[in-house]
PDB file of N, CA and C in Angstrom:
ATOM      1  N   MET A   1       0.746  -1.535  -0.058  1.00  0.00           N
ATOM      2  CA  MET A   1       0.135  -0.078  -0.178  1.00  0.00           C
ATOM      3  C   MET A   1       1.059   1.083   0.003  1.00  0.00           C
ATOM      4  N   SER A   2       0.929   1.972  -0.782  1.00  0.00           N
ATOM      5  CA  SER A   2       1.273   3.394  -0.440  1.00  0.00           C
ATOM      6  C   SER A   2       0.507   4.662  -0.960  1.00  0.00           C
ATOM      7  N   LEU A   3       0.894   5.798   0.129  1.00  0.00           N
ATOM      8  CA  LEU A   3      -0.737   7.361   0.009  1.00  0.00           C
ATOM      9  C   LEU A   3      -0.004   7.683  -0.977  1.00  0.00           C
ATOM     10  N   LYS A   4      -1.694   7.672  -2.124  1.00  0.00           N
ATOM     11  CA  LYS A   4      -0.946   8.510  -3.254  1.00  0.00           C
ATOM     12  C   LYS A   4      -2.086   9.957  -3.604  1.00  0.00           C
ATOM     13  N   HIS A   5      -2.270   9.954  -2.501  1.00  0.00           N
ATOM     14  CA  HIS A   5      -3.572  11.298  -2.241  1.00  0.00           C
ATOM     15  C   HIS A   5      -3.404  11.956  -1.049  1.00  0.00           C
ATOM     16  N   LEU A   6      -3.564  13.390  -1.158  1.00  0.00           N
ATOM     17  CA  LEU A   6      -3.749  14.275   0.060  1.00  0.00           C
ATOM     18  C   LEU A   6      -4.598  15.617  -0.257  1.00  0.00           C
ATOM     19  N   ASN A   7      -5.198  15.368   0.898  1.00  0.00           N
ATOM     20  CA  ASN A   7      -6.041  17.019   0.642  1.00  0.00           C
ATOM     21  C   ASN A   7      -5.848  18.171   1.243  1.00  0.00           C
ATOM     22  N   LEU A   8      -5.215  19.262   0.969  1.00  0.00           N
ATOM     23  CA  LEU A   8      -4.804  20.503   2.235  1.00  0.00           C
ATOM     24  C   LEU A   8      -6.079  21.292   2.525  1.00  0.00           C
ATOM     25  N   THR A   9      -6.599  22.013   3.529  1.00  0.00           N
ATOM     26  CA  THR A   9      -7.183  23.070   3.065  1.00  0.00           C
ATOM     27  C   THR A   9      -6.137  24.094   3.592  1.00  0.00           C
ATOM     28  N   VAL A  10      -6.373  25.393   2.539  1.00  0.00           N
ATOM     29  CA  VAL A  10      -5.822  26.080   3.057  1.00  0.00           C
ATOM     30  C   VAL A  10      -5.933  27.705   2.290  1.00  0.00           C
ATOM     31  N   PRO A  11      -5.589  29.150   3.522  1.00  0.00           N
ATOM     32  CA  PRO A  11      -6.230  30.384   3.017  1.00  0.00           C
ATOM     33  C   PRO A  11      -6.217  30.461   0.986  1.00  0.00           C
ATOM     34  N   GLU A  12      -5.258  30.221   0.433  1.00  0.00           N
ATOM     35  CA  GLU A  12      -5.176  31.071  -0.209  1.00  0.00           C
ATOM     36  C   GLU A  12      -4.799  30.169  -1.254  1.00  0.00           C
ATOM     37  N   VAL A  13      -6.073  29.441  -1.934  1.00  0.00           N
ATOM     38  CA  VAL A  13      -5.634  28.002  -2.752  1.00  0.00           C
ATOM     39  C   VAL A  13      -4.758  28.739  -4.565  1.00  0.00           C
ATOM     40  N   ALA A  14      -4.673  29.597  -5.180  1.00  0.00           N
ATOM     41  CA  ALA A  14      -4.463  29.754  -6.138  1.00  0.00           C
ATOM     42  C   ALA A  14      -2.832  30.261  -5.826  1.00  0.00           C
ATOM     43  N   ARG A  15      -2.516  30.573  -4.120  1.00  0.00           N
ATOM     44  CA  ARG A  15      -0.469  31.008  -3.587  1.00  0.00           C
ATOM     45  C   ARG A  15      -0.569  29.899  -3.685  1.00  0.00           C
ATOM     46  N   THR A  16      -0.819  29.176  -2.838  1.00  0.00           N
ATOM     47  CA  THR A  16      -0.474  27.350  -2.842  1.00  0.00           C
ATOM     48  C   THR A  16      -0.190  26.557  -4.010  1.00  0.00           C
ATOM     49  N   LYS A  17      -1.242  26.797  -4.550  1.00  0.00           N
ATOM     50  CA  LYS A  17      -1.291  25.880  -5.938  1.00  0.00           C
ATOM     51  C   LYS A  17       0.420  26.115  -6.982  1.00  0.00           C
ATOM     52  N   GLU A  18       0.570  28.004  -7.226  1.00  0.00           N
ATOM     53  CA  GLU A  18       1.437  28.594  -7.698  1.00  0.00           C
ATOM     54  C   GLU A  18       3.288  28.052  -6.531  1.00  0.00           C
ATOM     55  N   PHE A  19       2.991  27.878  -5.705  1.00  0.00           N
ATOM     56  CA  PHE A  19       3.879  27.528  -4.562  1.00  0.00           C
ATOM     57  C   PHE A  19       4.064  25.939  -4.887  1.00  0.00           C
ATOM     58  N   PHE A  20       3.828  25.189  -5.221  1.00  0.00           N
ATOM     59  CA  PHE A  20       4.031  23.301  -5.464  1.00  0.00           C
ATOM     60  C   PHE A  20       4.821  23.658  -7.045  1.00  0.00           C
ATOM     61  N   GLU A  21       3.797  24.142  -7.774  1.00  0.00           N
ATOM     62  CA  GLU A  21       4.175  24.507  -8.707  1.00  0.00           C
ATOM     63  C   GLU A  21       5.138  24.542  -9.259  1.00  0.00           C
ATOM     64  N   THR A  22       6.067  26.224  -8.687  1.00  0.00           N
ATOM     65  CA  THR A  22       7.682  26.220  -8.786  1.00  0.00           C
ATOM     66  C   THR A  22       8.375  25.709  -8.129  1.00  0.00           C
ATOM     67  N   TYR A  23       8.207  25.769  -7.093  1.00  0.00           N
ATOM     68  CA  TYR A  23       9.314  24.586  -6.278  1.00  0.00           C
ATOM     69  C   TYR A  23       9.371  23.500  -5.965  1.00  0.00           C
ATOM     70  N   PHE A  24       8.357  22.814  -6.282  1.00  0.00           N
ATOM     71  CA  PHE A  24       8.014  21.302  -6.016  1.00  0.00           C
ATOM     72  C   PHE A  24       7.608  20.556  -7.519  1.00  0.00           C
ATOM     73  N   GLY A  25       7.317  20.881  -8.444  1.00  0.00           N
ATOM     74  CA  GLY A  25       7.578  20.481  -9.825  1.00  0.00           C
ATOM     75  C   GLY A  25       5.646  19.743 -10.123  1.00  0.00           C
ATOM     76  N   PHE A  26       4.796  20.013  -9.391  1.00  0.00           N
ATOM     77  CA  PHE A  26       3.574  19.736  -9.156  1.00  0.00           C
ATOM     78  C   PHE A  26       3.039  20.956 -10.586  1.00  0.00           C
ATOM     79  N   ARG A  27       2.334  19.635 -11.231  1.00  0.00           N
ATOM     80  CA  ARG A  27       0.968  19.811 -12.487  1.00  0.00           C
ATOM     81  C   ARG A  27      -0.222  19.966 -11.848  1.00  0.00           C
ATOM     82  N   CYS A  28      -0.599  21.103 -12.319  1.00  0.00           N
ATOM     83  CA  CYS A  28      -1.993  21.600 -12.151  1.00  0.00           C
ATOM     84  C   CYS A  28      -2.840  20.793 -13.268  1.00  0.00           C
ATOM     85  N   VAL A  29      -3.978  19.992 -12.918  1.00  0.00           N
ATOM     86  CA  VAL A  29      -4.718  19.024 -13.786  1.00  0.00           C
ATOM     87  C   VAL A  29      -6.184  19.705 -13.880  1.00  0.00           C
ATOM     88  N   ALA A  30      -6.485  20.357 -12.635  1.00  0.00           N
ATOM     89  CA  ALA A  30      -7.886  20.971 -12.235  1.00  0.00           C
ATOM     90  C   ALA A  30      -7.671  22.088 -11.223  1.00  0.00           C
ATOM     91  N   ASP A  31      -8.548  23.184 -11.466  1.00  0.00           N
ATOM     92  CA  ASP A  31      -8.870  24.630 -10.869  1.00  0.00           C
ATOM     93  C   ASP A  31     -10.010  24.977 -11.021  1.00  0.00           C
ATOM     94  N   ARG A  32     -10.714  25.034  -9.661  1.00  0.00           N
ATOM     95  CA  ARG A  32     -12.009  25.087  -9.461  1.00  0.00           C
ATOM     96  C   ARG A  32     -12.339  25.944  -8.693  1.00  0.00           C
ATOM     97  N   GLY A  33     -11.386  27.181  -8.589  1.00  0.00           N
ATOM     98  CA  GLY A  33     -11.846  28.177  -7.740  1.00  0.00           C
ATOM     99  C   GLY A  33     -11.587  27.603  -5.914  1.00  0.00           C
ATOM    100  N   PRO A  34     -12.535  26.739  -5.617  1.00  0.00           N
ATOM    101  CA  PRO A  34     -12.054  26.497  -4.283  1.00  0.00           C
ATOM    102  C   PRO A  34     -11.118  25.178  -4.358  1.00  0.00           C
ATOM    103  N   ILE A  35     -10.975  24.620  -4.783  1.00  0.00           N
ATOM    104  CA  ILE A  35     -10.174  23.692  -5.332  1.00  0.00           C
ATOM    105  C   ILE A  35      -8.894  23.397  -6.365  1.00  0.00           C
ATOM    106  N   ALA A  36      -7.979  23.424  -6.191  1.00  0.00           N
ATOM    107  CA  ALA A  36      -7.015  22.726  -7.386  1.00  0.00           C
ATOM    108  C   ALA A  36      -6.258  21.414  -6.991  1.00  0.00           C
ATOM    109  N   VAL A  37      -6.436  20.788  -8.473  1.00  0.00           N
ATOM    110  CA  VAL A  37      -5.647  19.628  -8.275  1.00  0.00           C
ATOM    111  C   VAL A  37      -4.264  19.507  -8.389  1.00  0.00           C
ATOM    112  N   LEU A  38      -3.566  18.868  -8.117  1.00  0.00           N
ATOM    113  CA  LEU A  38      -1.929  19.039  -9.330  1.00  0.00           C
ATOM    114  C   LEU A  38      -1.479  17.945  -8.771  1.00  0.00           C
ATOM    115  N   VAL A  39      -0.925  17.593  -9.277  1.00  0.00           N
ATOM    116  CA  VAL A  39       0.234  15.504  -9.321  1.00  0.00           C
ATOM    117  C   VAL A  39       1.426  16.207  -9.824  1.00  0.00           C
ATOM    118  N   ASP A  40       2.331  14.850  -9.471  1.00  0.00           N
ATOM    119  CA  ASP A  40       3.722  15.296  -9.699  1.00  0.00           C
ATOM    120  C   ASP A  40       4.012  14.048 -10.707  1.00  0.00           C
ATOM    121  N   VAL A  41       5.263  13.638 -10.878  1.00  0.00           N
ATOM    122  CA  VAL A  41       6.098  13.267 -11.724  1.00  0.00           C
ATOM    123  C   VAL A  41       5.729  11.174 -11.433  1.00  0.00           C
ATOM    124  N   ASP A  42       5.569  11.410 -10.312  1.00  0.00           N
ATOM    125  CA  ASP A  42       4.926   9.910  -9.508  1.00  0.00           C
ATOM    126  C   ASP A  42       3.720   9.523  -9.570  1.00  0.00           C
ATOM    127  N   GLY A  43       2.942  10.278 -10.021  1.00  0.00           N
ATOM    128  CA  GLY A  43       1.518  10.106 -10.338  1.00  0.00           C
ATOM    129  C   GLY A  43       0.592  10.772  -8.648  1.00  0.00           C
ATOM    130  N   PHE A  44       1.325  11.223  -7.592  1.00  0.00           N
ATOM    131  CA  PHE A  44       0.914  11.642  -6.563  1.00  0.00           C
ATOM    132  C   PHE A  44      -0.336  13.157  -6.659  1.00  0.00           C
ATOM    133  N   VAL A  45      -1.375  12.408  -6.265  1.00  0.00           N
ATOM    134  CA  VAL A  45      -2.618  13.699  -5.915  1.00  0.00           C
ATOM    135  C   VAL A  45      -2.587  14.558  -5.244  1.00  0.00           C
ATOM    136  N   LEU A  46      -1.884  15.726  -5.391  1.00  0.00           N
ATOM    137  CA  LEU A  46      -2.477  16.631  -3.987  1.00  0.00           C
ATOM    138  C   LEU A  46      -3.603  17.235  -4.606  1.00  0.00           C
ATOM    139  N   SER A  47      -4.848  17.568  -3.982  1.00  0.00           N
ATOM    140  CA  SER A  47      -5.724  18.913  -3.913  1.00  0.00           C
ATOM    141  C   SER A  47      -5.049  19.726  -2.554  1.00  0.00           C
ATOM    142  N   LEU A  48      -5.667  21.126  -3.380  1.00  0.00           N
ATOM    143  CA  LEU A  48      -5.769  21.983  -2.596  1.00  0.00           C
ATOM    144  C   LEU A  48      -7.319  22.345  -2.478  1.00  0.00           C
ATOM    145  N   SER A  49      -7.717  23.072  -0.822  1.00  0.00           N
ATOM    146  CA  SER A  49      -9.084  23.465  -1.786  1.00  0.00           C
ATOM    147  C   SER A  49      -8.777  24.546  -0.403  1.00  0.00           C
ATOM    148  N   ASN A  50     -10.384  25.099  -0.266  1.00  0.00           N
ATOM    149  CA  ASN A  50     -10.900  26.392   0.520  1.00  0.00           C
ATOM    150  C   ASN A  50     -12.103  26.406   0.750  1.00  0.00           C
ATOM    151  N   PHE A  51     -12.993  25.031   0.924  1.00  0.00           N
ATOM    152  CA  PHE A  51     -14.705  25.030   0.536  1.00  0.00           C
ATOM    153  C   PHE A  51     -15.698  25.789   1.834  1.00  0.00           C
ATOM    154  N   ASP A  52     -14.750  26.506   2.650  1.00  0.00           N
ATOM    155  CA  ASP A  52     -15.481  27.364   3.452  1.00  0.00           C
ATOM    156  C   ASP A  52     -15.299  29.189   3.562  1.00  0.00           C
ATOM    157  N   ARG A  53     -14.288  28.862   2.516  1.00  0.00           N
ATOM    158  CA  ARG A  53     -13.839  30.494   2.510  1.00  0.00           C
ATOM    159  C   ARG A  53     -13.023  30.933   3.809  1.00  0.00           C
ATOM    160  N   LEU A  54     -12.405  29.901   4.079  1.00  0.00           N
ATOM    161  CA  LEU A  54     -11.325  30.423   5.566  1.00  0.00           C
ATOM    162  C   LEU A  54     -10.526  31.180   4.859  1.00  0.00           C
ATOM    163  N   THR A  55     -10.660  31.989   6.292  1.00  0.00           N
ATOM    164  CA  THR A  55      -9.109  33.054   5.881  1.00  0.00           C
ATOM    165  C   THR A  55      -7.788  32.374   6.082  1.00  0.00           C
ATOM    166  N   ALA A  56      -7.678  32.076   7.067  1.00  0.00           N
ATOM    167  CA  ALA A  56      -6.344  31.471   8.147  1.00  0.00           C
ATOM    168  C   ALA A  56      -6.831  29.945   8.163  1.00  0.00           C
ATOM    169  N   VAL A  57      -6.142  28.793   8.456  1.00  0.00           N
ATOM    170  CA  VAL A  57      -5.904  27.772   8.589  1.00  0.00           C
ATOM    171  C   VAL A  57      -5.140  27.128   9.977  1.00  0.00           C
ATOM    172  N   GLU A  58      -5.756  26.723  10.957  1.00  0.00           N
ATOM    173  CA  GLU A  58      -4.921  26.479  11.694  1.00  0.00           C
ATOM    174  C   GLU A  58      -4.302  24.895  11.855  1.00  0.00           C
ATOM    175  N   TYR A  59      -3.121  24.863  11.874  1.00  0.00           N
ATOM    176  CA  TYR A  59      -2.495  23.000  11.723  1.00  0.00           C
ATOM    177  C   TYR A  59      -2.399  22.363  12.473  1.00  0.00           C
ATOM    178  N   PRO A  60      -2.460  20.854  13.885  1.00  0.00           N
ATOM    179  CA  PRO A  60      -1.124  20.945  14.537  1.00  0.00           C
ATOM    180  C   PRO A  60      -0.154  21.048  14.505  1.00  0.00           C
ATOM    181  N   GLY A  61      -0.025  21.417  15.760  1.00  0.00           N
ATOM    182  CA  GLY A  61       1.979  22.117  15.807  1.00  0.00           C
ATOM    183  C   GLY A  61       3.199  20.848  15.326  1.00  0.00           C
ATOM    184  N   GLY A  62       2.770  19.668  15.182  1.00  0.00           N
ATOM    185  CA  GLY A  62       4.067  18.457  14.482  1.00  0.00           C
ATOM    186  C   GLY A  62       3.592  18.075  13.206  1.00  0.00           C
ATOM    187  N   PHE A  63       2.447  19.080  12.827  1.00  0.00           N
ATOM    188  CA  PHE A  63       1.239  18.232  11.500  1.00  0.00           C
ATOM    189  C   PHE A  63       3.272  18.819  10.203  1.00  0.00           C
ATOM    190  N   HIS A  64       3.358  18.182   9.226  1.00  0.00           N
ATOM    191  CA  HIS A  64       4.399  18.528   8.343  1.00  0.00           C
ATOM    192  C   HIS A  64       3.810  17.402   7.231  1.00  0.00           C
ATOM    193  N   ILE A  65       4.367  17.759   6.381  1.00  0.00           N
ATOM    194  CA  ILE A  65       5.022  17.212   4.924  1.00  0.00           C
ATOM    195  C   ILE A  65       5.797  17.435   4.352  1.00  0.00           C
ATOM    196  N   GLY A  66       6.400  16.056   3.725  1.00  0.00           N
ATOM    197  CA  GLY A  66       7.812  15.849   3.664  1.00  0.00           C
ATOM    198  C   GLY A  66       8.016  15.546   2.138  1.00  0.00           C
ATOM    199  N   PHE A  67       9.315  16.146   1.514  1.00  0.00           N
ATOM    200  CA  PHE A  67       9.585  15.708   0.554  1.00  0.00           C
ATOM    201  C   PHE A  67      10.921  15.157   0.811  1.00  0.00           C
ATOM    202  N   MET A  68      10.783  14.051   0.543  1.00  0.00           N
ATOM    203  CA  MET A  68      12.319  12.986   0.154  1.00  0.00           C
ATOM    204  C   MET A  68      13.094  13.114  -1.129  1.00  0.00           C
ATOM    205  N   GLN A  69      14.333  13.391  -1.102  1.00  0.00           N
ATOM    206  CA  GLN A  69      15.816  13.484  -2.136  1.00  0.00           C
ATOM    207  C   GLN A  69      16.294  12.500  -2.160  1.00  0.00           C
ATOM    208  N   PRO A  70      16.908  12.416  -2.983  1.00  0.00           N
ATOM    209  CA  PRO A  70      17.877  11.494  -3.792  1.00  0.00           C
ATOM    210  C   PRO A  70      19.305  11.479  -2.989  1.00  0.00           C
ATOM    211  N   ASN A  71      19.621  12.941  -2.382  1.00  0.00           N
ATOM    212  CA  ASN A  71      21.149  13.007  -2.106  1.00  0.00           C
ATOM    213  C   ASN A  71      21.133  14.448  -1.530  1.00  0.00           C
ATOM    214  N   ARG A  72      21.993  14.611  -0.988  1.00  0.00           N
ATOM    215  CA  ARG A  72      21.974  16.180   0.357  1.00  0.00           C
ATOM    216  C   ARG A  72      22.154  17.028  -0.973  1.00  0.00           C
ATOM    217  N   GLU A  73      22.932  17.209  -1.796  1.00  0.00           N
ATOM    218  CA  GLU A  73      23.021  18.393  -2.763  1.00  0.00           C
ATOM    219  C   GLU A  73      21.484  18.670  -3.249  1.00  0.00           C
ATOM    220  N   ARG A  74      20.817  17.356  -2.843  1.00  0.00           N
ATOM    221  CA  ARG A  74      19.567  18.254  -3.953  1.00  0.00           C
ATOM    222  C   ARG A  74      18.390  18.809  -2.839  1.00  0.00           C
ATOM    223  N   VAL A  75      18.796  18.661  -1.695  1.00  0.00           N
ATOM    224  CA  VAL A  75      18.265  19.392  -0.608  1.00  0.00           C
ATOM    225  C   VAL A  75      19.007  20.537  -0.277  1.00  0.00           C
ATOM    226  N   ASP A  76      19.970  20.640  -0.889  1.00  0.00           N
ATOM    227  CA  ASP A  76      21.121  22.273  -0.748  1.00  0.00           C
ATOM    228  C   ASP A  76      20.224  23.086  -2.263  1.00  0.00           C
ATOM    229  N   GLU A  77      19.971  22.816  -3.440  1.00  0.00           N
ATOM    230  CA  GLU A  77      19.586  23.763  -4.348  1.00  0.00           C
ATOM    231  C   GLU A  77      17.812  23.557  -4.404  1.00  0.00           C
ATOM    232  N   ILE A  78      17.354  22.607  -3.801  1.00  0.00           N
ATOM    233  CA  ILE A  78      15.795  22.983  -3.415  1.00  0.00           C
ATOM    234  C   ILE A  78      15.900  24.318  -2.166  1.00  0.00           C
ATOM    235  N   HIS A  79      16.605  23.674  -1.278  1.00  0.00           N
ATOM    236  CA  HIS A  79      16.818  25.032  -0.287  1.00  0.00           C
ATOM    237  C   HIS A  79      16.799  26.096  -1.005  1.00  0.00           C
ATOM    238  N   ALA A  80      17.966  26.074  -1.613  1.00  0.00           N
ATOM    239  CA  ALA A  80      18.832  27.333  -2.257  1.00  0.00           C
ATOM    240  C   ALA A  80      17.480  28.150  -3.442  1.00  0.00           C
ATOM    241  N   ARG A  81      17.116  27.751  -3.915  1.00  0.00           N
ATOM    242  CA  ARG A  81      16.338  28.211  -4.772  1.00  0.00           C
ATOM    243  C   ARG A  81      14.736  28.681  -3.665  1.00  0.00           C
ATOM    244  N   LEU A  82      14.504  28.161  -2.989  1.00  0.00           N
ATOM    245  CA  LEU A  82      13.555  29.210  -2.202  1.00  0.00           C
ATOM    246  C   LEU A  82      13.985  30.146  -1.699  1.00  0.00           C
ATOM    247  N   THR A  83      14.935  30.196  -0.787  1.00  0.00           N
ATOM    248  CA  THR A  83      15.925  31.263  -0.722  1.00  0.00           C
ATOM    249  C   THR A  83      16.088  32.553  -1.310  1.00  0.00           C
ATOM    250  N   ALA A  84      16.422  32.065  -2.516  1.00  0.00           N
ATOM    251  CA  ALA A  84      16.106  33.275  -3.679  1.00  0.00           C
ATOM    252  C   ALA A  84      15.010  33.293  -3.949  1.00  0.00           C
ATOM    253  N   GLY A  85      13.746  32.914  -3.496  1.00  0.00           N
ATOM    254  CA  GLY A  85      12.378  32.939  -3.919  1.00  0.00           C
ATOM    255  C   GLY A  85      12.045  34.136  -2.680  1.00  0.00           C
ATOM    256  N   GLY A  86      12.737  33.783  -1.936  1.00  0.00           N
ATOM    257  CA  GLY A  86      11.992  34.848  -0.670  1.00  0.00           C
ATOM    258  C   GLY A  86      11.752  34.424   0.626  1.00  0.00           C
ATOM    259  N   PHE A  87      12.002  33.300   0.114  1.00  0.00           N
ATOM    260  CA  PHE A  87      11.296  32.375   2.212  1.00  0.00           C
ATOM    261  C   PHE A  87      12.931  32.969   2.794  1.00  0.00           C
ATOM    262  N   THR A  88      12.578  32.888   4.094  1.00  0.00           N
ATOM    263  CA  THR A  88      13.598  32.744   4.731  1.00  0.00           C
ATOM    264  C   THR A  88      13.244  31.699   5.564  1.00  0.00           C
ATOM    265  N   ILE A  89      14.891  31.457   5.583  1.00  0.00           N
ATOM    266  CA  ILE A  89      14.714  29.056   6.080  1.00  0.00           C
ATOM    267  C   ILE A  89      16.177  29.190   7.016  1.00  0.00           C
ATOM    268  N   ASP A  90      15.630  28.492   7.677  1.00  0.00           N
ATOM    269  CA  ASP A  90      17.556  28.170   8.147  1.00  0.00           C
ATOM    270  C   ASP A  90      17.511  27.179   7.366  1.00  0.00           C
ATOM    271  N   PRO A  91      19.608  27.247   7.002  1.00  0.00           N
ATOM    272  CA  PRO A  91      19.828  25.769   6.440  1.00  0.00           C
ATOM    273  C   PRO A  91      20.005  24.412   6.632  1.00  0.00           C
ATOM    274  N   PRO A  92      19.576  23.691   5.904  1.00  0.00           N
ATOM    275  CA  PRO A  92      19.882  22.024   5.815  1.00  0.00           C
ATOM    276  C   PRO A  92      20.826  22.002   7.173  1.00  0.00           C
ATOM    277  N   LYS A  93      19.960  20.798   8.209  1.00  0.00           N
ATOM    278  CA  LYS A  93      21.205  20.248   8.646  1.00  0.00           C
ATOM    279  C   LYS A  93      21.155  18.515   8.862  1.00  0.00           C
ATOM    280  N   GLU A  94      22.110  18.365  10.090  1.00  0.00           N
ATOM    281  CA  GLU A  94      21.665  16.562   9.716  1.00  0.00           C
ATOM    282  C   GLU A  94      20.851  16.989  11.502  1.00  0.00           C
ATOM    283  N   PHE A  95      19.689  16.042  11.382  1.00  0.00           N
ATOM    284  CA  PHE A  95      18.732  15.589  12.032  1.00  0.00           C
ATOM    285  C   PHE A  95      17.805  14.964  12.517  1.00  0.00           C
ATOM    286  N   HIS A  96      17.117  13.915  13.258  1.00  0.00           N
ATOM    287  CA  HIS A  96      16.812  12.395  13.136  1.00  0.00           C
ATOM    288  C   HIS A  96      17.306  11.693  11.585  1.00  0.00           C
ATOM    289  N   GLY A  97      18.752  11.451  11.931  1.00  0.00           N
ATOM    290  CA  GLY A  97      19.504  11.005  11.418  1.00  0.00           C
ATOM    291  C   GLY A  97      18.932  11.240   9.316  1.00  0.00           C
ATOM    292  N   ALA A  98      18.576  12.621   8.915  1.00  0.00           N
ATOM    293  CA  ALA A  98      18.517  12.883   7.720  1.00  0.00           C
ATOM    294  C   ALA A  98      19.480  14.266   7.516  1.00  0.00           C
ATOM    295  N   TRP A  99      19.558  14.714   6.570  1.00  0.00           N
ATOM    296  CA  TRP A  99      19.772  16.197   5.906  1.00  0.00           C
ATOM    297  C   TRP A  99      18.938  16.795   6.081  1.00  0.00           C
ATOM    298  N   THR A 100      18.579  17.973   6.369  1.00  0.00           N
ATOM    299  CA  THR A 100      17.205  18.540   7.112  1.00  0.00           C
ATOM    300  C   THR A 100      16.662  19.662   6.957  1.00  0.00           C
ATOM    301  N   PHE A 101      15.755  20.617   5.875  1.00  0.00           N
ATOM    302  CA  PHE A 101      15.114  21.343   6.781  1.00  0.00           C
ATOM    303  C   PHE A 101      13.896  21.548   6.660  1.00  0.00           C
ATOM    304  N   TYR A 102      12.940  22.284   7.681  1.00  0.00           N
ATOM    305  CA  TYR A 102      11.374  23.015   7.828  1.00  0.00           C
ATOM    306  C   TYR A 102      11.556  24.177   7.361  1.00  0.00           C
ATOM    307  N   PHE A 103      10.273  24.085   6.699  1.00  0.00           N
ATOM    308  CA  PHE A 103       9.999  25.652   6.813  1.00  0.00           C
ATOM    309  C   PHE A 103       8.652  26.096   6.630  1.00  0.00           C
ATOM    310  N   GLN A 104       8.141  27.067   6.807  1.00  0.00           N
ATOM    311  CA  GLN A 104       6.119  27.272   6.769  1.00  0.00           C
ATOM    312  C   GLN A 104       5.857  27.924   4.903  1.00  0.00           C
ATOM    313  N   ALA A 105       5.692  26.851   4.395  1.00  0.00           N
ATOM    314  CA  ALA A 105       5.160  27.235   3.151  1.00  0.00           C
ATOM    315  C   ALA A 105       3.438  28.042   3.125  1.00  0.00           C
ATOM    316  N   PRO A 106       3.405  28.516   2.053  1.00  0.00           N
ATOM    317  CA  PRO A 106       2.239  29.594   1.936  1.00  0.00           C
ATOM    318  C   PRO A 106       1.246  28.151   1.984  1.00  0.00           C
ATOM    319  N   GLY A 107      -0.035  28.720   3.130  1.00  0.00           N
ATOM    320  CA  GLY A 107      -1.229  27.804   3.171  1.00  0.00           C
ATOM    321  C   GLY A 107      -1.552  27.608   4.669  1.00  0.00           C
ATOM    322  N   GLY A 108      -0.391  27.665   5.417  1.00  0.00           N
ATOM    323  CA  GLY A 108      -0.338  27.620   6.979  1.00  0.00           C
ATOM    324  C   GLY A 108       0.509  26.369   7.647  1.00  0.00           C
ATOM    325  N   PHE A 109       1.126  25.309   6.743  1.00  0.00           N
ATOM    326  CA  PHE A 109       1.334  24.047   7.161  1.00  0.00           C
ATOM    327  C   PHE A 109       3.370  24.180   7.133  1.00  0.00           C
ATOM    328  N   MET A 110       3.465  23.035   7.686  1.00  0.00           N
ATOM    329  CA  MET A 110       5.477  23.031   7.323  1.00  0.00           C
ATOM    330  C   MET A 110       5.608  21.915   6.616  1.00  0.00           C
ATOM    331  N   VAL A 111       6.484  22.378   5.911  1.00  0.00           N
ATOM    332  CA  VAL A 111       6.904  21.287   4.602  1.00  0.00           C
ATOM    333  C   VAL A 111       8.457  21.017   5.245  1.00  0.00           C
ATOM    334  N   GLU A 112       8.895  19.864   5.409  1.00  0.00           N
ATOM    335  CA  GLU A 112      10.255  18.956   5.416  1.00  0.00           C
ATOM    336  C   GLU A 112      11.132  18.864   4.092  1.00  0.00           C
ATOM    337  N   VAL A 113      12.461  19.323   3.686  1.00  0.00           N
ATOM    338  CA  VAL A 113      12.414  18.708   2.524  1.00  0.00           C
ATOM    339  C   VAL A 113      14.255  17.910   3.338  1.00  0.00           C
ATOM    340  N   LEU A 114      14.101  16.564   3.066  1.00  0.00           N
ATOM    341  CA  LEU A 114      15.115  15.870   3.128  1.00  0.00           C
ATOM    342  C   LEU A 114      15.518  14.876   3.097  1.00  0.00           C
ATOM    343  N   HIS A 115      16.764  14.287   2.331  1.00  0.00           N
ATOM    344  CA  HIS A 115      17.292  13.430   2.146  1.00  0.00           C
ATOM    345  C   HIS A 115      17.962  12.189   3.402  1.00  0.00           C
ATOM    346  N   GLN A 116      17.427  11.230   3.710  1.00  0.00           N
ATOM    347  CA  GLN A 116      18.007  10.144   4.743  1.00  0.00           C
ATOM    348  C   GLN A 116      18.174   8.676   4.138  1.00  0.00           C
ATOM    349  N   ARG A 117      19.146   8.541   4.853  1.00  0.00           N
ATOM    350  CA  ARG A 117      19.603   6.766   4.615  1.00  0.00           C
ATOM    351  C   ARG A 117      18.316   5.755   4.562  1.00  0.00           C
ATOM    352  N   MET A 118      18.012   4.833   4.276  1.00  0.00           N
ATOM    353  CA  MET A 118      17.171   4.070   4.576  1.00  0.00           C
ATOM    354  C   MET A 118      17.811   2.643   4.731  1.00  0.00           C
ATOM    355  N   GLY A 119      18.942   3.158   5.975  1.00  0.00           N
ATOM    356  CA  GLY A 119      20.182   1.912   5.970  1.00  0.00           C
ATOM    357  C   GLY A 119      20.923   0.951   5.528  1.00  0.00           C
ATOM    358  N   PRO A 120      21.834   0.270   5.453  1.00  0.00           N
ATOM    359  CA  PRO A 120      22.762  -0.098   4.269  1.00  0.00           C
ATOM    360  C   PRO A 120      22.378  -0.297   3.490  1.00  0.00           C
ATOM    361  N   ALA A 121      21.341  -0.934   2.795  1.00  0.00           N
ATOM    362  CA  ALA A 121      21.006  -0.818   1.521  1.00  0.00           C
ATOM    363  C   ALA A 121      20.568   0.507   0.995  1.00  0.00           C
ATOM    364  N   GLY A 122      20.761   1.153   1.330  1.00  0.00           N
ATOM    365  CA  GLY A 122      19.703   2.416   1.506  1.00  0.00           C
ATOM    366  C   GLY A 122      20.168   3.532   0.087  1.00  0.00           C
ATOM    367  N   PRO A 123      19.300   4.730  -0.749  1.00  0.00           N
ATOM    368  CA  PRO A 123      19.544   5.189  -1.395  1.00  0.00           C
ATOM    369  C   PRO A 123      20.919   5.875  -0.934  1.00  0.00           C
TER     370      PRO A 123
END
């Protein structure tokens, strides 16, 4: 079994959609006002919605979504692109066995970008 779909409720669907397209390579396949549906190259479906027209969304403190990367260099590249795009983010560091960084994304949720070896046979 693998996770292939996630819906995030966000206050500004268009802004959050643009964020995922710009920095994480998602492609929008449907944009209907209070909902946008995006897909990535692996077929993961991410929907962004705001059916209740909320102006703010509060996620629990530990909630975040993560983007695994094939190597540390790719983590560093994404960090550089985000900071060049105006995001204020602490530099990547070793944490919980990964090379990682976290930041607050448009939409009010936390994003983690990381490379983590998965044991002796890992990437």
